[in-house]
Structures are given as C-alpha cells and as structure tokens.
Amino acid sequence: MGSRSATELLQLPVQLQGIRLGRPVDLLLDLEDWRALGLVVLCGDESRRFLVFAAADLQDDAIAVPSALLLLEDVDFYLDRSRSLRSLLGCSVVNGRRGLGELRDLLVRPDGGVEALVLEGDGRAAEVGPAGARVEPERVSAA
C-alpha cells in the first residue's frame, strides 16, 4: 500500500482481529526528520493511549494491531517529545524565507516517513516535499 493522508488515517478504527479497540485522535510527529512516531488512540474505556506507528498495520478500512498491549498508557511522555498533527494544521509552512502556504494534511508512507506536505495558499492546494520545510509557530493576534 502507498502513502496515505494523515487526516484520513485519523478516521480509521484501531482494531485487534476485527474487534474495535478505539479510534485515533491525533498523529504525533518528529518534525526534524518529518516522521510519524505514533497515534494517540481514544480507547473504548475513554482512556487515551499511544500506538507506535511502526507497530500499526495500516489497512484500507482499519488500523490493525497484533496485540492490545501495544497501546501504551503514558501518552504525555510521547506528547512531550513530539509535535501533534492537530496543533500544526492551519499553521504556516516556510522553506528558508519563502512562505509555502498553510498546512492542511500530510501524506505518510507505510514506514512512517512523511512523503509530502499538503498545503493551501492563494486558494490552491499543493503537495510539497518535506525537505527544508519548517512549520512556523502560531502567531498571537494583537487584537
């Protein structure tokens, strides 16, 4: 299977042998290497757990796991060491000093590498490679 939209991955259920364990609510990223580290999963008991991206089997209609033990409890540990996709959506992306547009999505390879950033600017969508791209921190309005 090829690259997948990160926002589409967040719509898939997390399953163990066809049994729904939960649903992903965020994708955690290493922006230095543009790599998906894992998914924050809201489980059936309303707890949040972390699923390492390499342990997930991305299928057409689900994210399969071979064991429920792969859903790790200490989500904050991983949040502190990564960036949340949800916090990045809508932020400006630059390459050097050149603004590329606002981040709308990512295309993620099965190995977790980010293949492309999906950006919107000037009313148009475009896909650009992540090399040299940087997400600008959110700006605080003076209003």
C-alpha atoms as a PDB file:
ATOM      1  CA  MET A   1       0.000   0.000   0.000  1.00  0.00           C
ATOM      2  CA  GLY A   2       1.252   3.507  -0.822  1.00  0.00           C
ATOM      3  CA  SER A   3       1.199   6.765   1.068  1.00  0.00           C
ATOM      4  CA  ARG A   4      -1.926   7.752   2.980  1.00  0.00           C
ATOM      5  CA  SER A   5      -3.447  11.022   4.058  1.00  0.00           C
ATOM      6  CA  ALA A   6      -2.760  11.621   7.755  1.00  0.00           C
ATOM      7  CA  THR A   7      -6.203  13.119   8.299  1.00  0.00           C
ATOM      8  CA  GLU A   8      -7.791  10.058   6.654  1.00  0.00           C
ATOM      9  CA  LEU A   9      -5.812   7.776   8.991  1.00  0.00           C
ATOM     10  CA  LEU A  10      -7.437   9.592  11.907  1.00  0.00           C
ATOM     11  CA  GLN A  11     -10.844   8.434  10.617  1.00  0.00           C
ATOM     12  CA  LEU A  12      -9.992   4.709  10.779  1.00  0.00           C
ATOM     13  CA  PRO A  13     -10.779   2.484  13.765  1.00  0.00           C
ATOM     14  CA  VAL A  14      -7.977   0.732  15.647  1.00  0.00           C
ATOM     15  CA  GLN A  15      -8.768  -2.983  15.699  1.00  0.00           C
ATOM     16  CA  LEU A  16      -7.469  -6.250  17.085  1.00  0.00           C
ATOM     17  CA  GLN A  17      -8.624  -9.201  14.964  1.00  0.00           C
ATOM     18  CA  GLY A  18     -11.645  -7.183  13.803  1.00  0.00           C
ATOM     19  CA  ILE A  19     -12.592  -6.019  17.315  1.00  0.00           C
ATOM     20  CA  ARG A  20     -12.649  -2.240  17.675  1.00  0.00           C
ATOM     21  CA  LEU A  21     -10.314  -1.037  20.440  1.00  0.00           C
ATOM     22  CA  GLY A  22     -10.644   2.682  19.790  1.00  0.00           C
ATOM     23  CA  ARG A  23     -10.042   5.445  17.293  1.00  0.00           C
ATOM     24  CA  PRO A  24      -7.035   7.654  16.641  1.00  0.00           C
ATOM     25  CA  VAL A  25      -7.475  11.281  17.668  1.00  0.00           C
ATOM     26  CA  ASP A  26      -4.029  12.603  16.748  1.00  0.00           C
ATOM     27  CA  LEU A  27      -0.809  11.754  14.955  1.00  0.00           C
ATOM     28  CA  LEU A  28       2.460  12.571  16.719  1.00  0.00           C
ATOM     29  CA  LEU A  29       5.370  13.677  14.563  1.00  0.00           C
ATOM     30  CA  ASP A  30       9.110  14.214  14.641  1.00  0.00           C
ATOM     31  CA  LEU A  31       9.398  17.405  12.590  1.00  0.00           C
ATOM     32  CA  GLU A  32      13.181  17.281  12.392  1.00  0.00           C
ATOM     33  CA  ASP A  33      13.048  14.074  10.350  1.00  0.00           C
ATOM     34  CA  TRP A  34       9.431  14.511   9.148  1.00  0.00           C
ATOM     35  CA  ARG A  35       8.398  11.121  10.511  1.00  0.00           C
ATOM     36  CA  ALA A  36       5.201   9.828  12.106  1.00  0.00           C
ATOM     37  CA  LEU A  37       6.069   8.483  15.555  1.00  0.00           C
ATOM     38  CA  GLY A  38       2.661   7.168  16.536  1.00  0.00           C
ATOM     39  CA  LEU A  39      -1.018   7.698  17.078  1.00  0.00           C
ATOM     40  CA  VAL A  40      -2.904   8.907  20.127  1.00  0.00           C
ATOM     41  CA  VAL A  41      -5.828   6.494  20.417  1.00  0.00           C
ATOM     42  CA  LEU A  42      -9.040   7.155  22.326  1.00  0.00           C
ATOM     43  CA  CYS A  43      -9.965   3.700  23.590  1.00  0.00           C
ATOM     44  CA  GLY A  44     -13.371   2.244  24.389  1.00  0.00           C
ATOM     45  CA  ASP A  45     -12.852   2.910  28.119  1.00  0.00           C
ATOM     46  CA  GLU A  46     -12.339   6.645  27.293  1.00  0.00           C
ATOM     47  CA  SER A  47      -8.611   6.444  28.112  1.00  0.00           C
ATOM     48  CA  ARG A  48      -6.001   7.793  25.724  1.00  0.00           C
ATOM     49  CA  ARG A  49      -3.163   5.511  24.725  1.00  0.00           C
ATOM     50  CA  PHE A  50      -0.174   5.748  22.401  1.00  0.00           C
ATOM     51  CA  LEU A  51       0.316   3.375  19.461  1.00  0.00           C
ATOM     52  CA  VAL A  52       3.802   3.363  17.952  1.00  0.00           C
ATOM     53  CA  PHE A  53       3.407   3.913  14.207  1.00  0.00           C
ATOM     54  CA  ALA A  54       5.767   1.038  13.338  1.00  0.00           C
ATOM     55  CA  ALA A  55       3.520  -1.379  15.280  1.00  0.00           C
ATOM     56  CA  ALA A  56       0.390  -0.380  13.344  1.00  0.00           C
ATOM     57  CA  ASP A  57      -0.761  -2.305  10.280  1.00  0.00           C
ATOM     58  CA  LEU A  58      -2.428   0.280   8.030  1.00  0.00           C
ATOM     59  CA  GLN A  59      -5.229  -1.425   6.161  1.00  0.00           C
ATOM     60  CA  ASP A  60      -7.820   0.024   3.780  1.00  0.00           C
ATOM     61  CA  ASP A  61     -10.559   0.250   6.405  1.00  0.00           C
ATOM     62  CA  ALA A  62      -8.761  -0.033   9.746  1.00  0.00           C
ATOM     63  CA  ILE A  63      -5.522   0.262  11.675  1.00  0.00           C
ATOM     64  CA  ALA A  64      -4.819  -3.255  12.885  1.00  0.00           C
ATOM     65  CA  VAL A  65      -2.677  -4.195  15.875  1.00  0.00           C
ATOM     66  CA  PRO A  66      -1.454  -7.706  16.726  1.00  0.00           C
ATOM     67  CA  SER A  67      -1.914  -7.132  20.480  1.00  0.00           C
ATOM     68  CA  ALA A  68      -3.774  -4.698  22.739  1.00  0.00           C
ATOM     69  CA  LEU A  69      -0.551  -4.481  24.775  1.00  0.00           C
ATOM     70  CA  LEU A  70       0.850  -2.231  22.032  1.00  0.00           C
ATOM     71  CA  LEU A  71      -1.477   0.554  23.195  1.00  0.00           C
ATOM     72  CA  LEU A  72       0.782   2.282  25.717  1.00  0.00           C
ATOM     73  CA  GLU A  73      -0.568   4.278  28.656  1.00  0.00           C
ATOM     74  CA  ASP A  74       1.905   7.142  29.099  1.00  0.00           C
ATOM     75  CA  VAL A  75       0.692   9.399  26.254  1.00  0.00           C
ATOM     76  CA  ASP A  76       2.148  12.538  27.877  1.00  0.00           C
ATOM     77  CA  PHE A  77       5.669  11.091  27.607  1.00  0.00           C
ATOM     78  CA  TYR A  78       5.278  10.920  23.822  1.00  0.00           C
ATOM     79  CA  LEU A  79       3.462  14.259  23.553  1.00  0.00           C
ATOM     80  CA  ASP A  80       6.388  15.962  25.287  1.00  0.00           C
ATOM     81  CA  ARG A  81       8.828  14.569  22.708  1.00  0.00           C
ATOM     82  CA  SER A  82       6.891  15.214  19.508  1.00  0.00           C
ATOM     83  CA  ARG A  83       4.501  17.566  17.741  1.00  0.00           C
ATOM     84  CA  SER A  84       0.798  16.970  17.355  1.00  0.00           C
ATOM     85  CA  LEU A  85      -0.593  16.996  13.810  1.00  0.00           C
ATOM     86  CA  ARG A  86      -3.777  18.644  15.069  1.00  0.00           C
ATOM     87  CA  SER A  87      -1.755  21.520  16.565  1.00  0.00           C
ATOM     88  CA  LEU A  88       0.038  22.036  13.239  1.00  0.00           C
ATOM     89  CA  LEU A  89      -2.942  22.074  10.890  1.00  0.00           C
ATOM     90  CA  GLY A  90      -3.527  25.613   9.644  1.00  0.00           C
ATOM     91  CA  CYS A  91      -0.024  26.791  10.576  1.00  0.00           C
ATOM     92  CA  SER A  92       2.221  28.458   8.005  1.00  0.00           C
ATOM     93  CA  VAL A  93       4.936  26.385   6.363  1.00  0.00           C
ATOM     94  CA  VAL A  94       8.125  28.014   5.101  1.00  0.00           C
ATOM     95  CA  ASN A  95      11.227  26.881   3.268  1.00  0.00           C
ATOM     96  CA  GLY A  96      14.025  29.266   4.085  1.00  0.00           C
ATOM     97  CA  ARG A  97      12.332  32.671   3.999  1.00  0.00           C
ATOM     98  CA  ARG A  98       9.760  31.685   1.403  1.00  0.00           C
ATOM     99  CA  GLY A  99       6.223  31.048   2.626  1.00  0.00           C
ATOM    100  CA  LEU A 100       4.719  27.946   1.076  1.00  0.00           C
ATOM    101  CA  GLY A 101       1.184  28.055   2.474  1.00  0.00           C
ATOM    102  CA  GLU A 102      -0.871  26.668   5.359  1.00  0.00           C
ATOM    103  CA  LEU A 103      -0.585  23.035   6.370  1.00  0.00           C
ATOM    104  CA  ARG A 104      -3.788  21.103   5.594  1.00  0.00           C
ATOM    105  CA  ASP A 105      -2.607  17.481   5.658  1.00  0.00           C
ATOM    106  CA  LEU A 106       0.370  15.141   5.280  1.00  0.00           C
ATOM    107  CA  LEU A 107       0.956  12.149   3.039  1.00  0.00           C
ATOM    108  CA  VAL A 108       2.511   9.434   5.188  1.00  0.00           C
ATOM    109  CA  ARG A 109       4.327   6.387   3.837  1.00  0.00           C
ATOM    110  CA  PRO A 110       3.680   2.964   5.418  1.00  0.00           C
ATOM    111  CA  ASP A 111       7.086   3.200   7.157  1.00  0.00           C
ATOM    112  CA  GLY A 112       6.040   6.467   8.851  1.00  0.00           C
ATOM    113  CA  GLY A 113       8.089   8.813   6.696  1.00  0.00           C
ATOM    114  CA  VAL A 114       6.290  11.931   5.511  1.00  0.00           C
ATOM    115  CA  GLU A 115       6.241  11.910   1.720  1.00  0.00           C
ATOM    116  CA  ALA A 116       4.587  15.286   1.210  1.00  0.00           C
ATOM    117  CA  LEU A 117       3.009  18.230   2.967  1.00  0.00           C
ATOM    118  CA  VAL A 118      -0.414  19.203   1.663  1.00  0.00           C
ATOM    119  CA  LEU A 119      -0.583  22.982   1.698  1.00  0.00           C
ATOM    120  CA  GLU A 120      -3.131  25.611   0.802  1.00  0.00           C
ATOM    121  CA  GLY A 121      -2.194  29.061  -0.348  1.00  0.00           C
ATOM    122  CA  ASP A 122      -3.739  31.608  -2.673  1.00  0.00           C
ATOM    123  CA  GLY A 123      -6.860  29.457  -2.818  1.00  0.00           C
ATOM    124  CA  ARG A 124      -4.951  26.491  -4.260  1.00  0.00           C
ATOM    125  CA  ALA A 125      -3.817  23.206  -2.779  1.00  0.00           C
ATOM    126  CA  ALA A 126      -0.334  21.864  -3.453  1.00  0.00           C
ATOM    127  CA  GLU A 127       1.836  18.985  -2.308  1.00  0.00           C
ATOM    128  CA  VAL A 128       5.469  19.715  -1.495  1.00  0.00           C
ATOM    129  CA  GLY A 129       8.258  17.516  -0.211  1.00  0.00           C
ATOM    130  CA  PRO A 130       9.195  17.990   3.444  1.00  0.00           C
ATOM    131  CA  ALA A 131      12.922  18.604   2.824  1.00  0.00           C
ATOM    132  CA  GLY A 132      13.805  22.019   4.197  1.00  0.00           C
ATOM    133  CA  ALA A 133      10.205  22.761   5.207  1.00  0.00           C
ATOM    134  CA  ARG A 134       9.546  24.236   8.617  1.00  0.00           C
ATOM    135  CA  VAL A 135       6.288  24.956  10.425  1.00  0.00           C
ATOM    136  CA  GLU A 136       6.086  28.487  11.760  1.00  0.00           C
ATOM    137  CA  PRO A 137       4.963  28.775  15.367  1.00  0.00           C
ATOM    138  CA  GLU A 138       1.439  30.018  15.817  1.00  0.00           C
ATOM    139  CA  ARG A 139       1.214  33.783  15.876  1.00  0.00           C
ATOM    140  CA  VAL A 140      -0.669  35.528  18.633  1.00  0.00           C
ATOM    141  CA  SER A 141      -3.128  38.176  17.435  1.00  0.00           C
ATOM    142  CA  ALA A 142      -2.647  41.700  18.749  1.00  0.00           C
ATOM    143  CA  ALA A 143      -6.428  42.226  18.783  1.00  0.00           C
END
